[in-house]
């Protein structure tokens, strides 16, 4: 009975990691062949200034923060029927129209998921033990087009998507800004048909690495002044039992309780850091930065 329960549990887990058709083949011991999907929408997100946050928090707290965020994203993915492809560090990757028939709704689903994902991230505390550290902000991007899916390897097999659509979706995310949703013209055109009520604003021509200049769009309404310029805005994580605190815009602040204005020690040579973080997701083998 114990062995049977273990086998059933393992079988159920397959359906949480792989699309149903792929899980059925793996469960039956059959080899999974590459499959072409002619028109999907791929979603990428990453956390603004994740490297600075990771430097300020302990590894355990970083794991707990990511778990809170990804649990919220996973619930939204179930709601909007978005298939979760993978997480890489602070990056969450999802796709629609991969297996289910979502040909007339796949961009709409991603757009609505993205809007709610941004709102959810803004409610996730960076450190639950230190409310002064604030909440998370994310960048989002998506693109629509063809991909090829396959299961790679036999030891800890990985379900992966390949193709230029993945590269372009990753570029849309890396060129986005805090709490904004950035998409390609291909996605924007379909979104107008599938969800005409979703706000779309033309961003204009944007230089995209490896693609030249592309016309891109902002999706949804801005989150408001609180998120504007967050990429360059100091976010402070207060260290307990210490007068030292880390300023995520670069440098260390030493706060004297008798003085309400902390002094900031700038980086060497007073150089201003580049606060735009490259998406960890684009370091995967299936899409390049």
Protein backbone atom coordinates (compact mmCIF):
# COMPACT_ATOMS: atom_id res chain seq x y z
CA UNK A 1 0.00 0.00 0.00
CA UNK A 2 2.84 2.40 0.81
CA UNK A 3 4.50 1.71 -2.53
CA UNK A 4 1.21 2.22 -4.35
CA UNK A 5 0.60 5.55 -2.63
CA UNK A 6 4.14 6.65 -3.52
CA UNK A 7 3.62 5.76 -7.18
CA UNK A 8 0.29 7.58 -7.28
CA UNK A 9 1.84 10.67 -5.65
CA UNK A 10 4.72 10.62 -8.14
CA UNK A 11 2.26 10.30 -11.01
CA UNK A 12 0.22 13.23 -9.74
CA UNK A 13 3.37 15.35 -9.46
CA UNK A 14 4.08 14.81 -13.17
CA UNK A 15 0.88 16.68 -14.00
CA UNK A 16 1.99 19.65 -11.91
CA UNK A 17 5.34 19.89 -13.69
CA UNK A 18 4.48 18.96 -17.28
CA UNK A 19 1.53 19.61 -19.61
CA UNK A 20 -1.00 16.75 -19.48
CA UNK A 21 -0.05 15.26 -22.84
CA UNK A 22 3.63 15.23 -21.91
CA UNK A 23 2.92 13.83 -18.44
CA UNK A 24 0.84 11.03 -19.99
CA UNK A 25 3.76 10.07 -22.26
CA UNK A 26 6.31 10.15 -19.45
CA UNK A 27 4.05 8.12 -17.18
CA UNK A 28 3.71 5.51 -19.93
CA UNK A 29 7.48 5.42 -20.38
CA UNK A 30 7.35 6.84 -23.90
CA UNK A 31 9.90 9.23 -25.37
CA UNK A 32 8.70 12.82 -25.75
CA UNK A 33 9.42 14.31 -29.16
CA UNK A 34 9.87 18.03 -29.90
CA UNK A 35 6.55 19.73 -30.64
CA UNK A 36 5.94 22.95 -32.57
CA UNK A 37 3.38 25.44 -31.26
CA UNK A 38 2.56 28.02 -33.90
CA UNK A 39 1.23 30.86 -31.76
CA UNK A 40 1.71 31.16 -28.01
CA UNK A 41 2.18 34.11 -25.67
CA UNK A 42 5.19 33.98 -23.36
CA UNK A 43 5.35 35.95 -20.09
CA UNK A 44 8.54 36.96 -18.25
CA UNK A 45 8.87 38.83 -14.97
CA UNK A 46 11.71 39.65 -12.63
CA UNK A 47 12.13 41.52 -9.38
CA UNK A 48 13.45 45.06 -9.57
CA UNK A 49 16.89 45.25 -7.93
CA UNK A 50 16.82 41.62 -6.85
CA UNK A 51 20.63 41.54 -6.56
CA UNK A 52 20.58 44.38 -4.02
CA UNK A 53 17.77 42.74 -2.07
CA UNK A 54 19.69 39.45 -2.02
CA UNK A 55 22.75 41.25 -0.71
CA UNK A 56 20.77 42.86 2.10
CA UNK A 57 18.86 39.75 3.22
CA UNK A 58 20.01 36.36 4.42
CA UNK A 59 19.62 33.47 1.94
CA UNK A 60 16.80 32.04 4.06
CA UNK A 61 14.86 35.29 3.92
CA UNK A 62 15.40 35.53 0.14
CA UNK A 63 13.97 32.02 -0.23
CA UNK A 64 10.99 32.91 1.93
CA UNK A 65 10.36 36.10 -0.05
CA UNK A 66 10.47 34.24 -3.38
CA UNK A 67 8.17 31.54 -2.02
CA UNK A 68 5.58 34.14 -1.01
CA UNK A 69 5.78 35.76 -4.44
CA UNK A 70 5.65 32.54 -6.44
CA UNK A 71 2.76 31.12 -4.43
CA UNK A 72 0.79 34.25 -5.36
CA UNK A 73 1.82 33.94 -9.02
CA UNK A 74 0.97 30.24 -9.09
CA UNK A 75 -2.54 30.93 -7.78
CA UNK A 76 -3.03 33.58 -10.47
CA UNK A 77 -1.68 31.21 -13.12
CA UNK A 78 -4.33 28.66 -12.15
CA UNK A 79 -7.00 31.34 -12.29
CA UNK A 80 -6.04 32.54 -15.79
CA UNK A 81 -4.95 29.10 -17.08
CA UNK A 82 -1.36 30.16 -17.65
CA UNK A 83 1.12 27.27 -17.80
CA UNK A 84 4.12 27.86 -15.54
CA UNK A 85 7.24 26.96 -17.53
CA UNK A 86 9.87 27.60 -14.89
CA UNK A 87 11.37 29.92 -12.32
CA UNK A 88 15.01 30.95 -12.58
CA UNK A 89 16.17 32.90 -9.56
CA UNK A 90 13.83 35.88 -9.40
CA UNK A 91 12.34 35.25 -12.86
CA UNK A 92 8.92 33.66 -13.39
CA UNK A 93 8.17 32.34 -16.90
CA UNK A 94 4.71 31.35 -18.14
CA UNK A 95 2.93 30.65 -21.41
CA UNK A 96 -0.58 30.37 -22.82
CA UNK A 97 -2.01 28.43 -25.78
CA UNK A 98 0.58 25.73 -25.30
CA UNK A 99 -1.79 22.79 -25.01
CA UNK A 100 -5.33 23.94 -24.20
CA UNK A 101 -7.27 25.59 -27.00
CA UNK A 102 -6.71 29.24 -26.14
CA UNK A 103 -6.23 30.51 -29.69
CA UNK A 104 -8.70 33.38 -29.22
CA UNK A 105 -7.76 34.27 -25.63
CA UNK A 106 -4.04 33.56 -25.09
CA UNK A 107 -2.85 37.20 -25.17
CA UNK A 108 -5.82 38.35 -23.11
CA UNK A 109 -5.06 35.74 -20.45
CA UNK A 110 -1.42 36.81 -20.20
CA UNK A 111 -2.30 40.52 -20.09
CA UNK A 112 -4.86 40.03 -17.31
CA UNK A 113 -2.50 37.71 -15.44
CA UNK A 114 0.27 40.30 -15.76
CA UNK A 115 -1.87 43.12 -14.34
CA UNK A 116 -2.80 41.02 -11.32
CA UNK A 117 0.79 39.75 -10.92
CA UNK A 118 2.09 43.31 -10.61
CA UNK A 119 -0.57 44.11 -8.00
CA UNK A 120 0.21 40.89 -6.11
CA UNK A 121 3.95 41.63 -6.05
CA UNK A 122 3.27 45.09 -4.60
CA UNK A 123 1.60 43.36 -1.64
CA UNK A 124 4.50 40.99 -0.95
CA UNK A 125 6.79 42.23 1.81
CA UNK A 126 10.51 42.03 1.17
CA UNK A 127 11.08 41.03 4.78
CA UNK A 128 8.08 40.14 6.95
CA UNK A 129 10.15 40.81 10.08
CA UNK A 130 11.00 44.32 8.90
CA UNK A 131 8.08 46.25 7.33
CA UNK A 132 10.41 49.22 6.75
CA UNK A 133 12.06 47.24 3.93
CA UNK A 134 8.90 47.76 1.87
CA UNK A 135 7.26 45.56 -0.74
CA UNK A 136 8.32 44.05 -4.05
CA UNK A 137 8.24 45.66 -7.47
CA UNK A 138 8.55 43.70 -10.69
CA UNK A 139 9.18 44.24 -14.39
CA UNK A 140 6.98 42.37 -16.86
CA UNK A 141 7.23 41.67 -20.57
CA UNK A 142 5.52 39.37 -23.05
CA UNK A 143 5.57 38.45 -26.72
CA UNK A 144 3.55 36.17 -29.00
CA UNK A 145 4.82 33.81 -31.66
CA UNK A 146 5.91 30.22 -32.37
CA UNK A 147 7.93 28.02 -30.02
CA UNK A 148 9.17 24.44 -29.90
CA UNK A 149 8.70 22.48 -26.67
CA UNK A 150 10.57 19.41 -25.53
CA UNK A 151 11.66 17.48 -22.45
CA UNK A 152 15.41 17.78 -22.04
CA UNK A 153 17.52 15.18 -20.24
CA UNK A 154 16.66 12.09 -18.22
CA UNK A 155 18.04 13.01 -14.79
CA UNK A 156 15.68 15.67 -13.39
CA UNK A 157 14.16 16.12 -16.86
CA UNK A 158 13.25 19.68 -17.75
CA UNK A 159 10.34 20.84 -19.88
CA UNK A 160 11.62 23.74 -21.95
CA UNK A 161 10.55 26.08 -24.72
CA UNK A 162 12.86 27.14 -27.54
CA UNK A 163 12.81 29.72 -30.30
CA UNK A 164 13.13 33.41 -31.02
CA UNK A 165 9.79 34.05 -29.32
CA UNK A 166 11.48 33.24 -26.01
CA UNK A 167 14.32 35.66 -26.73
CA UNK A 168 11.92 38.45 -27.68
CA UNK A 169 9.70 37.93 -24.65
CA UNK A 170 12.79 38.09 -22.42
CA UNK A 171 13.83 41.34 -24.15
CA UNK A 172 10.38 42.85 -23.53
CA UNK A 173 10.81 42.15 -19.83
CA UNK A 174 14.39 43.42 -19.55
CA UNK A 175 13.40 46.67 -21.32
CA UNK A 176 10.38 47.20 -19.10
CA UNK A 177 10.40 49.36 -15.96
CA UNK A 178 9.20 49.00 -12.40
CA UNK A 179 5.57 47.86 -12.13
CA UNK A 180 5.04 48.21 -15.88
CA UNK A 181 3.94 45.64 -18.45
CA UNK A 182 5.76 45.83 -21.77
CA UNK A 183 4.79 43.91 -24.89
CA UNK A 184 5.69 43.56 -28.55
CA UNK A 185 3.63 44.90 -31.43
CA UNK A 186 2.68 41.33 -32.37
CA UNK A 187 1.11 40.81 -28.95
CA UNK A 188 -0.47 44.26 -28.92
CA UNK A 189 -2.29 43.66 -32.20
CA UNK A 190 -3.84 40.44 -30.94
CA UNK A 191 -4.64 41.98 -27.55
CA UNK A 192 -6.68 44.70 -29.26
CA UNK A 193 -8.87 41.98 -30.77
CA UNK A 194 -9.02 39.68 -27.77
CA UNK A 195 -9.45 42.31 -25.04
CA UNK A 196 -10.27 45.74 -26.48
CA UNK A 197 -10.95 47.10 -22.98
CA UNK A 198 -7.38 46.50 -21.76
CA UNK A 199 -5.49 49.83 -21.94
CA UNK A 200 -2.67 49.88 -24.52
CA UNK A 201 -0.25 52.76 -25.08
CA UNK A 202 2.32 52.85 -27.84
CA UNK A 203 5.79 53.22 -26.38
CA UNK A 204 7.40 53.76 -29.77
CA UNK A 205 10.58 52.42 -31.32
CA UNK A 206 12.84 50.68 -28.83
CA UNK A 207 16.33 49.33 -29.51
CA UNK A 208 16.19 45.60 -28.80
CA UNK A 209 19.42 43.61 -28.61
CA UNK A 210 19.69 41.24 -31.55
CA UNK A 211 16.45 42.55 -33.09
CA UNK A 212 17.16 46.14 -34.06
CA UNK A 213 14.43 48.68 -33.37
CA UNK A 214 10.98 47.34 -32.50
CA UNK A 215 7.69 49.13 -31.92
CA UNK A 216 6.50 48.17 -28.44
CA UNK A 217 3.55 48.94 -26.17
CA UNK A 218 2.72 49.49 -22.51
CA UNK A 219 -0.15 47.37 -21.23
CA UNK A 220 -2.57 48.45 -18.52
CA UNK A 221 -2.57 51.62 -16.48
CA UNK A 222 0.52 52.82 -14.57
CA UNK A 223 0.47 51.80 -10.91
CA UNK A 224 0.80 55.41 -9.82
CA UNK A 225 3.49 57.72 -8.45
CA UNK A 226 4.60 55.22 -5.78
CA UNK A 227 6.15 52.97 -8.41
CA UNK A 228 7.40 55.64 -10.79
CA UNK A 229 11.19 55.76 -10.89
CA UNK A 230 11.52 52.86 -8.48
CA UNK A 231 14.43 51.53 -10.54
CA UNK A 232 16.47 54.49 -9.21
CA UNK A 233 14.70 55.09 -5.91
CA UNK A 234 16.54 54.15 -2.69
CA UNK A 235 14.93 51.24 -0.88
CA UNK A 236 16.23 50.68 2.61
CA UNK A 237 16.45 47.41 4.48
CA UNK A 238 17.05 48.06 8.16
CA UNK A 239 19.49 45.71 9.84
CA UNK A 240 18.40 44.67 13.30
CA UNK A 241 20.79 45.18 16.23
CA UNK A 242 22.95 47.51 14.13
CA UNK A 243 23.19 51.20 13.39
CA UNK A 244 24.22 50.30 9.85
CA UNK A 245 21.66 49.88 7.13
CA UNK A 246 22.01 49.03 3.49
CA UNK A 247 20.80 51.52 0.90
CA UNK A 248 19.84 49.55 -2.20
CA UNK A 249 20.66 52.44 -4.49
CA UNK A 250 24.33 51.85 -3.69
CA UNK A 251 26.36 52.69 -0.62
CA UNK A 252 25.81 52.27 3.10
CA UNK A 253 23.90 54.60 5.39
CA UNK A 254 24.91 55.15 9.00
CA UNK A 255 21.97 56.50 10.93
CA UNK A 256 22.45 58.54 14.06
CA UNK A 257 19.20 58.36 16.12
CA UNK A 258 19.73 61.97 17.14
CA UNK A 259 19.74 63.05 13.51
CA UNK A 260 16.68 62.41 11.38
CA UNK A 261 18.67 62.66 8.14
CA UNK A 262 21.03 59.72 7.58
CA UNK A 263 24.25 60.34 5.70
CA UNK A 264 24.95 58.24 2.62
CA UNK A 265 28.46 57.03 1.93
CA UNK A 266 28.70 56.91 -1.84
CA UNK A 267 30.42 54.23 -3.82
CA UNK A 268 34.10 54.64 -4.54
CA UNK A 269 34.82 57.65 -6.75
CA UNK A 270 31.21 58.75 -6.24
CA UNK A 271 30.04 56.85 -9.30
CA UNK A 272 26.33 56.36 -9.69
CA UNK A 273 25.44 52.71 -10.11
CA UNK A 274 23.37 51.33 -12.95
CA UNK A 275 20.23 50.19 -11.15
CA UNK A 276 18.74 48.30 -14.08
CA UNK A 277 19.18 44.63 -13.35
CA UNK A 278 19.33 42.17 -16.19
CA UNK A 279 16.79 39.39 -15.97
CA UNK A 280 18.17 36.18 -14.55
CA UNK A 281 15.74 34.39 -16.81
CA UNK A 282 17.65 35.35 -19.93
CA UNK A 283 20.67 33.38 -18.76
CA UNK A 284 18.89 30.09 -19.49
CA UNK A 285 20.04 27.93 -22.33
CA UNK A 286 16.73 28.26 -24.18
CA UNK A 287 16.99 32.01 -24.59
CA UNK A 288 19.93 34.35 -24.50
CA UNK A 289 20.50 37.84 -23.10
